[in-house]
Amino acid sequence: MMDKKLLSKLMPHRKGTLFFNEKGESFDNVFGHTALMFLHLIKNYSSRKPKNKEKWIETSIPATRSQELVLTWIGHASFLIQVDNVNILVDPTFYSSSCFFPRIMPPGITQDNLPPIDFVLLSHNHRDHMDRKSLRDIINKNPRAQIMVPMGDRKWFGRYGYSLDLVSEFNWWESINLPNIKFTFLPAYHWSQRWIFDRNKSLWGSWMIEVGGQTIYFGGDTANWKHFEQIAQEFPRIDVALMPVGPCEPRNWMEKAHLSPEQAGKAFLTLNAQHFIPMHWGTFFFGIDYYEQPIERLLQWWKSNESLLGTKQLHINKMGKQFKPQSNIFDLGKTISNILEI
């Protein structure tokens, strides 16, 4: 059943058929920024691509089911979450987001090695998060999987012939309670678009998953905003936060859509979560930062804020590495070159 939250919470501003983060917001020059980033990618691709791909990937075959919490970073914002014998995919993307921005790292789990999927959560409709080919393959193999999408995206599935019976769409703060699991769609500061003329015609957001005694926050794609304070008030105990940390630069382009690594760290503190898993880096080049820059900056921030972090843990995972929060504890004495040997 759907639970409507109090309207005192942050809610998207509506103007006709369009969504906005807040009243008075205007469209940025997305096409100009995208064109400049693409030109920079062509010019600097050879100097920015990872020199040692094996360092960041550990292709794995997950178990069919798991009672304890196991998280596998597939790459970018894609995760397989296994807990309480439930399998959840978030923002599954196994291919290049477009011909202009090719995938530079293979997925940590191939489509063929995915276990049966029960739920698919989508944060917004950008092609690097809502990939048609990936979703087609997943739905064909898992025709009973339930799909949770932001408001305005349900019709997209009907347009491509998918059954809408198992597709549910959500506004911010709306929840769905199912046997032994609860999903809550939460705010994020971002935007949506798949084609030239559909800017902000669907919503965007983040997700909270409560299952098997665990509370897992998936940050989606977001800029820094006051939603983190409200989420922390609503969910005083968060076990794991999957937080976007890139693209970093140029900051004047990115600040209205993406967290910097330092902002992601501060947001993690605001959320008062226990485990930090960085994502949204290392799979595509969308900014002008070099390959490991988001992680290097996050490490520097973490080391500079030990006194505030206490027992909180940072986990820098390889794509495909099966991770259990009670293991793989980040050691501040390790360097970026050997941390992945844990």
C-alpha atoms as a PDB file:
ATOM      1  CA  MET A   1       0.000   0.000   0.000  1.00  0.00           C
ATOM      2  CA  MET A   2       1.192   3.530  -0.770  1.00  0.00           C
ATOM      3  CA  ASP A   3       1.890   5.870   2.174  1.00  0.00           C
ATOM      4  CA  LYS A   4       1.668   9.597   1.490  1.00  0.00           C
ATOM      5  CA  LYS A   5       4.172  11.622   3.528  1.00  0.00           C
ATOM      6  CA  LEU A   6       3.597  15.017   5.093  1.00  0.00           C
ATOM      7  CA  LEU A   7       3.596  17.933   2.684  1.00  0.00           C
ATOM      8  CA  SER A   8       5.960  19.830   5.002  1.00  0.00           C
ATOM      9  CA  LYS A   9       8.716  17.734   3.477  1.00  0.00           C
ATOM     10  CA  LEU A  10      10.597  18.925   0.407  1.00  0.00           C
ATOM     11  CA  MET A  11       8.441  18.374  -2.647  1.00  0.00           C
ATOM     12  CA  PRO A  12       9.240  18.938  -6.334  1.00  0.00           C
ATOM     13  CA  HIS A  13       7.944  22.183  -7.794  1.00  0.00           C
ATOM     14  CA  ARG A  14       5.484  21.626 -10.635  1.00  0.00           C
ATOM     15  CA  LYS A  15       4.998  23.989 -13.561  1.00  0.00           C
ATOM     16  CA  GLY A  16       2.515  22.514 -15.990  1.00  0.00           C
ATOM     17  CA  THR A  17       3.863  19.120 -16.999  1.00  0.00           C
ATOM     18  CA  LEU A  18       7.403  19.903 -15.817  1.00  0.00           C
ATOM     19  CA  PHE A  19       9.209  19.096 -12.579  1.00  0.00           C
ATOM     20  CA  PHE A  20      11.714  21.360 -10.838  1.00  0.00           C
ATOM     21  CA  ASN A  21      13.753  20.944  -7.685  1.00  0.00           C
ATOM     22  CA  GLU A  22      12.402  24.217  -6.324  1.00  0.00           C
ATOM     23  CA  LYS A  23      10.440  27.277  -7.339  1.00  0.00           C
ATOM     24  CA  GLY A  24      12.353  29.786  -9.467  1.00  0.00           C
ATOM     25  CA  GLU A  25      14.747  27.208 -10.913  1.00  0.00           C
ATOM     26  CA  SER A  26      15.608  27.603 -14.604  1.00  0.00           C
ATOM     27  CA  PHE A  27      17.110  25.319 -17.235  1.00  0.00           C
ATOM     28  CA  ASP A  28      20.868  25.366 -17.697  1.00  0.00           C
ATOM     29  CA  ASN A  29      22.597  25.111 -21.065  1.00  0.00           C
ATOM     30  CA  VAL A  30      22.853  21.328 -20.926  1.00  0.00           C
ATOM     31  CA  PHE A  31      23.540  20.878 -24.629  1.00  0.00           C
ATOM     32  CA  GLY A  32      26.417  23.356 -24.623  1.00  0.00           C
ATOM     33  CA  HIS A  33      28.022  21.700 -21.609  1.00  0.00           C
ATOM     34  CA  THR A  34      27.570  18.235 -23.110  1.00  0.00           C
ATOM     35  CA  ALA A  35      29.156  19.294 -26.404  1.00  0.00           C
ATOM     36  CA  LEU A  36      32.160  20.810 -24.627  1.00  0.00           C
ATOM     37  CA  MET A  37      32.631  17.698 -22.493  1.00  0.00           C
ATOM     38  CA  PHE A  38      32.472  15.488 -25.580  1.00  0.00           C
ATOM     39  CA  LEU A  39      35.136  17.584 -27.299  1.00  0.00           C
ATOM     40  CA  HIS A  40      37.313  17.368 -24.199  1.00  0.00           C
ATOM     41  CA  LEU A  41      36.818  13.598 -24.113  1.00  0.00           C
ATOM     42  CA  ILE A  42      38.006  13.210 -27.712  1.00  0.00           C
ATOM     43  CA  LYS A  43      41.002  15.466 -27.157  1.00  0.00           C
ATOM     44  CA  ASN A  44      42.174  13.907 -23.892  1.00  0.00           C
ATOM     45  CA  TYR A  45      40.871  10.336 -23.985  1.00  0.00           C
ATOM     46  CA  SER A  46      44.234   8.590 -24.203  1.00  0.00           C
ATOM     47  CA  SER A  47      45.668  10.477 -21.224  1.00  0.00           C
ATOM     48  CA  ARG A  48      42.583   9.952 -19.033  1.00  0.00           C
ATOM     49  CA  LYS A  49      41.707   6.307 -19.584  1.00  0.00           C
ATOM     50  CA  PRO A  50      42.673   3.872 -16.799  1.00  0.00           C
ATOM     51  CA  LYS A  51      46.182   2.504 -17.172  1.00  0.00           C
ATOM     52  CA  ASN A  52      45.458  -0.721 -15.294  1.00  0.00           C
ATOM     53  CA  LYS A  53      41.856  -1.858 -15.635  1.00  0.00           C
ATOM     54  CA  GLU A  54      42.479  -5.005 -13.602  1.00  0.00           C
ATOM     55  CA  LYS A  55      43.067  -2.813 -10.554  1.00  0.00           C
ATOM     56  CA  TRP A  56      39.426  -1.750 -10.510  1.00  0.00           C
ATOM     57  CA  ILE A  57      37.494  -4.827 -11.600  1.00  0.00           C
ATOM     58  CA  GLU A  58      36.892  -8.292 -10.199  1.00  0.00           C
ATOM     59  CA  THR A  59      34.286  -9.982 -12.355  1.00  0.00           C
ATOM     60  CA  SER A  60      32.167 -12.246 -10.196  1.00  0.00           C
ATOM     61  CA  ILE A  61      29.271 -14.677 -10.262  1.00  0.00           C
ATOM     62  CA  PRO A  62      26.940 -13.869  -7.372  1.00  0.00           C
ATOM     63  CA  ALA A  63      25.039 -16.466  -5.393  1.00  0.00           C
ATOM     64  CA  THR A  64      21.471 -17.144  -6.430  1.00  0.00           C
ATOM     65  CA  ARG A  65      20.224 -15.820  -3.084  1.00  0.00           C
ATOM     66  CA  SER A  66      21.724 -14.529   0.160  1.00  0.00           C
ATOM     67  CA  GLN A  67      20.284 -14.185   3.636  1.00  0.00           C
ATOM     68  CA  GLU A  68      22.982 -11.755   4.797  1.00  0.00           C
ATOM     69  CA  LEU A  69      23.604  -8.412   3.103  1.00  0.00           C
ATOM     70  CA  VAL A  70      25.867  -8.617   0.042  1.00  0.00           C
ATOM     71  CA  LEU A  71      26.401  -5.615  -2.250  1.00  0.00           C
ATOM     72  CA  THR A  72      28.088  -5.854  -5.627  1.00  0.00           C
ATOM     73  CA  TRP A  73      29.024  -2.694  -7.500  1.00  0.00           C
ATOM     74  CA  ILE A  74      28.404  -3.432 -11.183  1.00  0.00           C
ATOM     75  CA  GLY A  75      29.810  -0.052 -12.208  1.00  0.00           C
ATOM     76  CA  HIS A  76      28.688   3.596 -12.346  1.00  0.00           C
ATOM     77  CA  ALA A  77      25.475   3.737 -10.248  1.00  0.00           C
ATOM     78  CA  SER A  78      24.516   0.088 -10.800  1.00  0.00           C
ATOM     79  CA  PHE A  79      24.403  -2.264  -7.812  1.00  0.00           C
ATOM     80  CA  LEU A  80      23.144  -5.746  -7.102  1.00  0.00           C
ATOM     81  CA  ILE A  81      21.822  -5.791  -3.532  1.00  0.00           C
ATOM     82  CA  GLN A  82      21.186  -9.220  -2.022  1.00  0.00           C
ATOM     83  CA  VAL A  83      19.678  -9.605   1.445  1.00  0.00           C
ATOM     84  CA  ASP A  84      16.976 -11.677   3.148  1.00  0.00           C
ATOM     85  CA  ASN A  85      16.813 -13.862   0.009  1.00  0.00           C
ATOM     86  CA  VAL A  86      15.742 -10.838  -2.064  1.00  0.00           C
ATOM     87  CA  ASN A  87      17.652  -9.627  -5.150  1.00  0.00           C
ATOM     88  CA  ILE A  88      17.476  -5.928  -6.044  1.00  0.00           C
ATOM     89  CA  LEU A  89      19.052  -4.045  -8.956  1.00  0.00           C
ATOM     90  CA  VAL A  90      19.442  -0.272  -8.813  1.00  0.00           C
ATOM     91  CA  ASP A  91      19.984   1.831 -11.953  1.00  0.00           C
ATOM     92  CA  PRO A  92      21.184  -1.186 -13.984  1.00  0.00           C
ATOM     93  CA  THR A  93      23.397  -0.182 -16.904  1.00  0.00           C
ATOM     94  CA  PHE A  94      25.492  -2.786 -18.697  1.00  0.00           C
ATOM     95  CA  TYR A  95      26.249  -0.945 -21.936  1.00  0.00           C
ATOM     96  CA  SER A  96      27.491   2.433 -23.176  1.00  0.00           C
ATOM     97  CA  SER A  97      25.117   5.259 -22.305  1.00  0.00           C
ATOM     98  CA  SER A  98      25.435   6.627 -25.853  1.00  0.00           C
ATOM     99  CA  CYS A  99      27.805   6.623 -28.809  1.00  0.00           C
ATOM    100  CA  PHE A 100      29.169   9.941 -27.537  1.00  0.00           C
ATOM    101  CA  PHE A 101      30.080   8.623 -24.088  1.00  0.00           C
ATOM    102  CA  PRO A 102      31.248   5.009 -24.405  1.00  0.00           C
ATOM    103  CA  ARG A 103      31.688   2.758 -21.406  1.00  0.00           C
ATOM    104  CA  ILE A 104      35.373   2.592 -20.446  1.00  0.00           C
ATOM    105  CA  MET A 105      35.097  -0.321 -17.991  1.00  0.00           C
ATOM    106  CA  PRO A 106      33.138  -3.553 -18.430  1.00  0.00           C
ATOM    107  CA  PRO A 107      30.406  -4.359 -15.909  1.00  0.00           C
ATOM    108  CA  GLY A 108      31.502  -6.204 -12.786  1.00  0.00           C
ATOM    109  CA  ILE A 109      28.700  -8.718 -13.346  1.00  0.00           C
ATOM    110  CA  THR A 110      27.622  -9.723 -16.825  1.00  0.00           C
ATOM    111  CA  GLN A 111      23.946  -9.986 -17.682  1.00  0.00           C
ATOM    112  CA  ASP A 112      24.316 -13.747 -18.073  1.00  0.00           C
ATOM    113  CA  ASN A 113      25.630 -14.077 -14.512  1.00  0.00           C
ATOM    114  CA  LEU A 114      22.881 -12.111 -12.802  1.00  0.00           C
ATOM    115  CA  PRO A 115      20.755 -14.084 -10.334  1.00  0.00           C
ATOM    116  CA  PRO A 116      16.955 -13.956 -10.554  1.00  0.00           C
ATOM    117  CA  ILE A 117      15.880 -10.350  -9.982  1.00  0.00           C
ATOM    118  CA  ASP A 118      12.918  -9.456  -7.772  1.00  0.00           C
ATOM    119  CA  PHE A 119      13.038  -5.649  -7.874  1.00  0.00           C
ATOM    120  CA  VAL A 120      14.527  -2.945 -10.099  1.00  0.00           C
ATOM    121  CA  LEU A 121      14.828   0.607  -8.738  1.00  0.00           C
ATOM    122  CA  LEU A 122      15.474   3.599 -11.001  1.00  0.00           C
ATOM    123  CA  SER A 123      16.543   7.028  -9.759  1.00  0.00           C
ATOM    124  CA  HIS A 124      15.876   9.000 -12.973  1.00  0.00           C
ATOM    125  CA  ASN A 125      15.682   8.610 -16.731  1.00  0.00           C
ATOM    126  CA  HIS A 126      19.161   9.689 -17.887  1.00  0.00           C
ATOM    127  CA  ARG A 127      20.590   7.068 -20.200  1.00  0.00           C
ATOM    128  CA  ASP A 128      23.460   6.191 -17.879  1.00  0.00           C
ATOM    129  CA  HIS A 129      20.871   5.242 -15.229  1.00  0.00           C
ATOM    130  CA  MET A 130      17.814   4.059 -17.181  1.00  0.00           C
ATOM    131  CA  ASP A 131      19.287   2.089 -20.064  1.00  0.00           C
ATOM    132  CA  ARG A 132      16.750   0.656 -22.475  1.00  0.00           C
ATOM    133  CA  LYS A 133      18.836  -2.301 -23.642  1.00  0.00           C
ATOM    134  CA  SER A 134      19.797  -3.324 -20.106  1.00  0.00           C
ATOM    135  CA  LEU A 135      16.198  -3.090 -18.903  1.00  0.00           C
ATOM    136  CA  ARG A 136      14.937  -5.044 -21.907  1.00  0.00           C
ATOM    137  CA  ASP A 137      17.337  -7.889 -21.139  1.00  0.00           C
ATOM    138  CA  ILE A 138      16.492  -7.891 -17.427  1.00  0.00           C
ATOM    139  CA  ILE A 139      12.729  -7.862 -17.987  1.00  0.00           C
ATOM    140  CA  ASN A 140      12.931 -10.602 -20.620  1.00  0.00           C
ATOM    141  CA  LYS A 141      14.769 -12.845 -18.143  1.00  0.00           C
ATOM    142  CA  ASN A 142      12.693 -11.742 -15.138  1.00  0.00           C
ATOM    143  CA  PRO A 143       9.148 -11.072 -16.388  1.00  0.00           C
ATOM    144  CA  ARG A 144       7.771 -10.937 -12.812  1.00  0.00           C
ATOM    145  CA  ALA A 145      10.321  -8.437 -11.497  1.00  0.00           C
ATOM    146  CA  GLN A 146       8.704  -5.371  -9.940  1.00  0.00           C
ATOM    147  CA  ILE A 147      10.036  -2.051 -11.244  1.00  0.00           C
ATOM    148  CA  MET A 148       9.997   1.149  -9.180  1.00  0.00           C
ATOM    149  CA  VAL A 149      10.380   4.417 -11.103  1.00  0.00           C
ATOM    150  CA  PRO A 150      10.039   8.183 -10.530  1.00  0.00           C
ATOM    151  CA  MET A 151       6.776   9.910 -11.368  1.00  0.00           C
ATOM    152  CA  GLY A 152       6.425  10.329 -15.122  1.00  0.00           C
ATOM    153  CA  ASP A 153       8.569   7.358 -16.177  1.00  0.00           C
ATOM    154  CA  ARG A 154       5.978   4.567 -16.017  1.00  0.00           C
ATOM    155  CA  LYS A 155       4.588   5.433 -19.447  1.00  0.00           C
ATOM    156  CA  TRP A 156       8.061   4.928 -20.963  1.00  0.00           C
ATOM    157  CA  PHE A 157       7.806   1.208 -20.234  1.00  0.00           C
ATOM    158  CA  GLY A 158       4.401   1.002 -21.885  1.00  0.00           C
ATOM    159  CA  ARG A 159       5.753   2.783 -24.947  1.00  0.00           C
ATOM    160  CA  TYR A 160       8.196  -0.062 -25.489  1.00  0.00           C
ATOM    161  CA  GLY A 161       5.676  -2.817 -24.931  1.00  0.00           C
ATOM    162  CA  TYR A 162       6.475  -3.759 -21.333  1.00  0.00           C
ATOM    163  CA  SER A 163       3.639  -4.739 -19.039  1.00  0.00           C
ATOM    164  CA  LEU A 164       2.708  -1.839 -16.771  1.00  0.00           C
ATOM    165  CA  ASP A 165       1.171  -4.135 -14.150  1.00  0.00           C
ATOM    166  CA  LEU A 166       4.526  -4.491 -12.409  1.00  0.00           C
ATOM    167  CA  VAL A 167       5.742  -0.890 -12.877  1.00  0.00           C
ATOM    168  CA  SER A 168       5.041   1.531 -10.011  1.00  0.00           C
ATOM    169  CA  GLU A 169       5.909   5.229 -10.022  1.00  0.00           C
ATOM    170  CA  PHE A 170       6.586   7.458  -7.045  1.00  0.00           C
ATOM    171  CA  ASN A 171       6.699  11.043  -5.914  1.00  0.00           C
ATOM    172  CA  TRP A 172       9.193  12.104  -3.244  1.00  0.00           C
ATOM    173  CA  TRP A 173       8.485  10.573   0.192  1.00  0.00           C
ATOM    174  CA  GLU A 174       6.122   7.941  -1.171  1.00  0.00           C
ATOM    175  CA  SER A 175       6.684   4.399   0.053  1.00  0.00           C
ATOM    176  CA  ILE A 176       5.561   0.935  -0.829  1.00  0.00           C
ATOM    177  CA  ASN A 177       5.325  -1.740   1.853  1.00  0.00           C
ATOM    178  CA  LEU A 178       5.697  -5.301   0.649  1.00  0.00           C
ATOM    179  CA  PRO A 179       6.179  -8.489   2.670  1.00  0.00           C
ATOM    180  CA  ASN A 180       9.471  -8.052   4.595  1.00  0.00           C
ATOM    181  CA  ILE A 181      10.645  -5.076   2.511  1.00  0.00           C
ATOM    182  CA  LYS A 182       9.922  -1.357   2.187  1.00  0.00           C
ATOM    183  CA  PHE A 183      11.019   1.061  -0.540  1.00  0.00           C
ATOM    184  CA  THR A 184      10.823   4.842  -0.093  1.00  0.00           C
ATOM    185  CA  PHE A 185      11.468   7.295  -2.920  1.00  0.00           C
ATOM    186  CA  LEU A 186      13.298  10.357  -1.635  1.00  0.00           C
ATOM    187  CA  PRO A 187      14.425  13.750  -2.951  1.00  0.00           C
ATOM    188  CA  ALA A 188      17.562  14.503  -4.939  1.00  0.00           C
ATOM    189  CA  TYR A 189      18.655  17.722  -6.635  1.00  0.00           C
ATOM    190  CA  HIS A 190      18.965  16.862 -10.307  1.00  0.00           C
ATOM    191  CA  TRP A 191      16.982  16.896 -13.568  1.00  0.00           C
ATOM    192  CA  SER A 192      15.672  14.474 -16.190  1.00  0.00           C
ATOM    193  CA  GLN A 193      15.899  14.147 -19.963  1.00  0.00           C
ATOM    194  CA  ARG A 194      16.180  11.456 -22.636  1.00  0.00           C
ATOM    195  CA  TRP A 195      15.341  13.384 -25.805  1.00  0.00           C
ATOM    196  CA  ILE A 196      15.615  16.973 -27.005  1.00  0.00           C
ATOM    197  CA  PHE A 197      12.123  18.077 -25.980  1.00  0.00           C
ATOM    198  CA  ASP A 198      11.388  16.093 -22.805  1.00  0.00           C
ATOM    199  CA  ARG A 199      13.496  17.978 -20.264  1.00  0.00           C
ATOM    200  CA  ASN A 200      12.093  17.557 -16.714  1.00  0.00           C
ATOM    201  CA  LYS A 201       8.916  15.796 -17.824  1.00  0.00           C
ATOM    202  CA  SER A 202       9.622  13.072 -15.288  1.00  0.00           C
ATOM    203  CA  LEU A 203      10.927  13.244 -11.736  1.00  0.00           C
ATOM    204  CA  TRP A 204      14.277  12.172 -10.244  1.00  0.00           C
ATOM    205  CA  GLY A 205      15.274  11.118  -6.760  1.00  0.00           C
ATOM    206  CA  SER A 206      17.006   8.698  -4.418  1.00  0.00           C
ATOM    207  CA  TRP A 207      15.873   5.534  -2.635  1.00  0.00           C
ATOM    208  CA  MET A 208      15.806   4.057   0.848  1.00  0.00           C
ATOM    209  CA  ILE A 209      15.568   0.286   1.118  1.00  0.00           C
ATOM    210  CA  GLU A 210      14.546  -1.312   4.418  1.00  0.00           C
ATOM    211  CA  VAL A 211      14.911  -5.082   4.365  1.00  0.00           C
ATOM    212  CA  GLY A 212      16.277  -7.853   6.540  1.00  0.00           C
ATOM    213  CA  GLY A 213      17.006  -5.504   9.416  1.00  0.00           C
ATOM    214  CA  GLN A 214      19.163  -3.306   7.136  1.00  0.00           C
ATOM    215  CA  THR A 215      18.563   0.259   5.950  1.00  0.00           C
ATOM    216  CA  ILE A 216      20.331   1.056   2.665  1.00  0.00           C
ATOM    217  CA  TYR A 217      20.376   4.503   1.065  1.00  0.00           C
ATOM    218  CA  PHE A 218      20.955   4.834  -2.683  1.00  0.00           C
ATOM    219  CA  GLY A 219      21.784   8.441  -3.529  1.00  0.00           C
ATOM    220  CA  GLY A 220      21.107   8.264  -7.273  1.00  0.00           C
ATOM    221  CA  ASP A 221      22.455  11.385  -8.979  1.00  0.00           C
ATOM    222  CA  THR A 222      22.336  14.628  -7.040  1.00  0.00           C
ATOM    223  CA  ALA A 223      23.854  17.983  -6.273  1.00  0.00           C
ATOM    224  CA  ASN A 224      24.367  19.198  -2.726  1.00  0.00           C
ATOM    225  CA  TRP A 225      21.058  20.272  -1.159  1.00  0.00           C
ATOM    226  CA  LYS A 226      19.019  20.366   2.019  1.00  0.00           C
ATOM    227  CA  HIS A 227      17.374  17.007   1.283  1.00  0.00           C
ATOM    228  CA  PHE A 228      20.105  15.174   3.168  1.00  0.00           C
ATOM    229  CA  GLU A 229      19.038  16.804   6.451  1.00  0.00           C
ATOM    230  CA  GLN A 230      15.415  15.813   5.906  1.00  0.00           C
ATOM    231  CA  ILE A 231      16.330  12.249   4.972  1.00  0.00           C
ATOM    232  CA  ALA A 232      18.422  11.946   8.136  1.00  0.00           C
ATOM    233  CA  GLN A 233      15.475  13.158  10.222  1.00  0.00           C
ATOM    234  CA  GLU A 234      13.160  10.629   8.602  1.00  0.00           C
ATOM    235  CA  PHE A 235      15.650   7.749   8.838  1.00  0.00           C
ATOM    236  CA  PRO A 236      17.745   8.093  12.012  1.00  0.00           C
ATOM    237  CA  ARG A 237      19.521   4.783  11.357  1.00  0.00           C
ATOM    238  CA  ILE A 238      21.145   4.194   7.973  1.00  0.00           C
ATOM    239  CA  ASP A 239      23.486   1.231   7.704  1.00  0.00           C
ATOM    240  CA  VAL A 240      24.895   1.739   4.207  1.00  0.00           C
ATOM    241  CA  ALA A 241      24.972   4.834   1.981  1.00  0.00           C
ATOM    242  CA  LEU A 242      25.726   4.384  -1.720  1.00  0.00           C
ATOM    243  CA  MET A 243      26.920   7.886  -2.603  1.00  0.00           C
ATOM    244  CA  PRO A 244      27.783   9.495  -5.978  1.00  0.00           C
ATOM    245  CA  VAL A 245      31.229  11.145  -6.001  1.00  0.00           C
ATOM    246  CA  GLY A 246      31.676  12.234  -9.622  1.00  0.00           C
ATOM    247  CA  PRO A 247      32.094  13.704 -12.115  1.00  0.00           C
ATOM    248  CA  CYS A 248      34.141  16.328 -10.273  1.00  0.00           C
ATOM    249  CA  GLU A 249      35.145  18.930 -12.811  1.00  0.00           C
ATOM    250  CA  PRO A 250      34.572  21.503 -14.130  1.00  0.00           C
ATOM    251  CA  ARG A 251      32.866  22.468 -10.902  1.00  0.00           C
ATOM    252  CA  ASN A 252      30.946  25.419 -12.365  1.00  0.00           C
ATOM    253  CA  TRP A 253      29.177  22.954 -14.687  1.00  0.00           C
ATOM    254  CA  MET A 254      28.727  20.154 -12.189  1.00  0.00           C
ATOM    255  CA  GLU A 255      27.680  21.921  -8.998  1.00  0.00           C
ATOM    256  CA  LYS A 256      23.973  22.082  -9.922  1.00  0.00           C
ATOM    257  CA  ALA A 257      23.745  18.377 -10.745  1.00  0.00           C
ATOM    258  CA  HIS A 258      26.555  16.409  -9.074  1.00  0.00           C
ATOM    259  CA  LEU A 259      28.168  16.147  -5.664  1.00  0.00           C
ATOM    260  CA  SER A 260      31.894  16.670  -5.433  1.00  0.00           C
ATOM    261  CA  PRO A 261      33.742  13.980  -3.422  1.00  0.00           C
ATOM    262  CA  GLU A 262      34.063  16.407  -0.519  1.00  0.00           C
ATOM    263  CA  GLN A 263      30.358  17.262  -0.630  1.00  0.00           C
ATOM    264  CA  ALA A 264      29.523  13.552  -0.743  1.00  0.00           C
ATOM    265  CA  GLY A 265      31.579  13.068   2.414  1.00  0.00           C
ATOM    266  CA  LYS A 266      29.770  15.893   4.205  1.00  0.00           C
ATOM    267  CA  ALA A 267      26.404  14.537   3.043  1.00  0.00           C
ATOM    268  CA  PHE A 268      27.383  11.129   4.434  1.00  0.00           C
ATOM    269  CA  LEU A 269      28.049  12.763   7.804  1.00  0.00           C
ATOM    270  CA  THR A 270      24.712  14.559   7.624  1.00  0.00           C
ATOM    271  CA  LEU A 271      22.951  11.269   6.905  1.00  0.00           C
ATOM    272  CA  ASN A 272      24.768   9.741   9.888  1.00  0.00           C
ATOM    273  CA  ALA A 273      25.178   6.476   7.985  1.00  0.00           C
ATOM    274  CA  GLN A 274      27.689   3.852   9.088  1.00  0.00           C
ATOM    275  CA  HIS A 275      29.151   2.572   5.807  1.00  0.00           C
ATOM    276  CA  PHE A 276      30.088   4.751   2.792  1.00  0.00           C
ATOM    277  CA  ILE A 277      30.364   3.117  -0.639  1.00  0.00           C
ATOM    278  CA  PRO A 278      31.304   5.597  -3.407  1.00  0.00           C
ATOM    279  CA  MET A 279      29.769   5.207  -6.853  1.00  0.00           C
ATOM    280  CA  HIS A 280      29.100   7.161 -10.052  1.00  0.00           C
ATOM    281  CA  TRP A 281      32.748   7.244 -11.044  1.00  0.00           C
ATOM    282  CA  GLY A 282      35.165   5.138 -13.098  1.00  0.00           C
ATOM    283  CA  THR A 283      32.732   3.825 -15.725  1.00  0.00           C
ATOM    284  CA  PHE A 284      32.099   6.749 -18.095  1.00  0.00           C
ATOM    285  CA  PHE A 285      33.879  10.046 -18.685  1.00  0.00           C
ATOM    286  CA  PHE A 286      31.275  12.778 -18.126  1.00  0.00           C
ATOM    287  CA  GLY A 287      33.538  15.495 -16.732  1.00  0.00           C
ATOM    288  CA  ILE A 288      37.131  16.555 -17.263  1.00  0.00           C
ATOM    289  CA  ASP A 289      38.538  14.887 -14.141  1.00  0.00           C
ATOM    290  CA  TYR A 290      41.141  12.168 -14.608  1.00  0.00           C
ATOM    291  CA  TYR A 291      40.172   8.574 -13.900  1.00  0.00           C
ATOM    292  CA  GLU A 292      41.000   8.201 -10.192  1.00  0.00           C
ATOM    293  CA  GLN A 293      40.466  11.841  -9.215  1.00  0.00           C
ATOM    294  CA  PRO A 294      37.101  11.336  -7.440  1.00  0.00           C
ATOM    295  CA  ILE A 295      38.516   8.561  -5.258  1.00  0.00           C
ATOM    296  CA  GLU A 296      41.781  10.364  -4.525  1.00  0.00           C
ATOM    297  CA  ARG A 297      39.866  13.449  -3.396  1.00  0.00           C
ATOM    298  CA  LEU A 298      37.476  11.362  -1.310  1.00  0.00           C
ATOM    299  CA  LEU A 299      40.413   9.651   0.407  1.00  0.00           C
ATOM    300  CA  GLN A 300      42.001  13.008   1.179  1.00  0.00           C
ATOM    301  CA  TRP A 301      38.744  14.299   2.634  1.00  0.00           C
ATOM    302  CA  TRP A 302      38.286  11.139   4.715  1.00  0.00           C
ATOM    303  CA  LYS A 303      41.776  11.335   6.193  1.00  0.00           C
ATOM    304  CA  SER A 304      41.264  15.020   7.022  1.00  0.00           C
ATOM    305  CA  ASN A 305      38.040  14.322   8.916  1.00  0.00           C
ATOM    306  CA  GLU A 306      38.921  11.294  11.042  1.00  0.00           C
ATOM    307  CA  SER A 307      37.853  13.061  14.224  1.00  0.00           C
ATOM    308  CA  LEU A 308      34.329  13.583  12.871  1.00  0.00           C
ATOM    309  CA  LEU A 309      33.980  10.122  11.361  1.00  0.00           C
ATOM    310  CA  GLY A 310      34.544   8.040  14.480  1.00  0.00           C
ATOM    311  CA  THR A 311      33.750   4.397  13.726  1.00  0.00           C
ATOM    312  CA  LYS A 312      32.219   5.101  10.313  1.00  0.00           C
ATOM    313  CA  GLN A 313      33.744   3.115   7.478  1.00  0.00           C
ATOM    314  CA  LEU A 314      34.677   3.893   3.878  1.00  0.00           C
ATOM    315  CA  HIS A 315      34.667   1.024   1.395  1.00  0.00           C
ATOM    316  CA  ILE A 316      36.246   1.565  -2.017  1.00  0.00           C
ATOM    317  CA  ASN A 317      35.116  -1.463  -3.944  1.00  0.00           C
ATOM    318  CA  LYS A 318      36.221  -2.989  -7.174  1.00  0.00           C
ATOM    319  CA  MET A 319      33.518  -3.398  -9.780  1.00  0.00           C
ATOM    320  CA  GLY A 320      32.209  -6.918  -9.350  1.00  0.00           C
ATOM    321  CA  LYS A 321      33.655  -7.477  -5.883  1.00  0.00           C
ATOM    322  CA  GLN A 322      31.085  -9.042  -3.580  1.00  0.00           C
ATOM    323  CA  PHE A 323      31.040  -6.958  -0.445  1.00  0.00           C
ATOM    324  CA  LYS A 324      29.618  -7.550   3.021  1.00  0.00           C
ATOM    325  CA  PRO A 325      29.544  -4.468   5.274  1.00  0.00           C
ATOM    326  CA  GLN A 326      30.957  -6.371   8.233  1.00  0.00           C
ATOM    327  CA  SER A 327      34.130  -7.133   6.239  1.00  0.00           C
ATOM    328  CA  ASN A 328      36.528  -5.191   3.964  1.00  0.00           C
ATOM    329  CA  ILE A 329      36.932  -2.399   6.504  1.00  0.00           C
ATOM    330  CA  PHE A 330      38.845   0.508   5.049  1.00  0.00           C
ATOM    331  CA  ASP A 331      42.227   1.017   6.697  1.00  0.00           C
ATOM    332  CA  LEU A 332      43.350   4.636   6.692  1.00  0.00           C
ATOM    333  CA  GLY A 333      46.958   3.476   6.569  1.00  0.00           C
ATOM    334  CA  LYS A 334      46.547   1.882   3.166  1.00  0.00           C
ATOM    335  CA  THR A 335      47.252   3.709  -0.071  1.00  0.00           C
ATOM    336  CA  ILE A 336      44.998   3.850  -3.098  1.00  0.00           C
ATOM    337  CA  SER A 337      47.281   1.404  -4.893  1.00  0.00           C
ATOM    338  CA  ASN A 338      47.004  -1.376  -2.332  1.00  0.00           C
ATOM    339  CA  ILE A 339      43.647  -0.738  -0.682  1.00  0.00           C
ATOM    340  CA  LEU A 340      42.018  -2.935  -3.291  1.00  0.00           C
ATOM    341  CA  GLU A 341      44.087  -5.906  -2.209  1.00  0.00           C
ATOM    342  CA  ILE A 342      41.856  -6.316   0.872  1.00  0.00           C
END
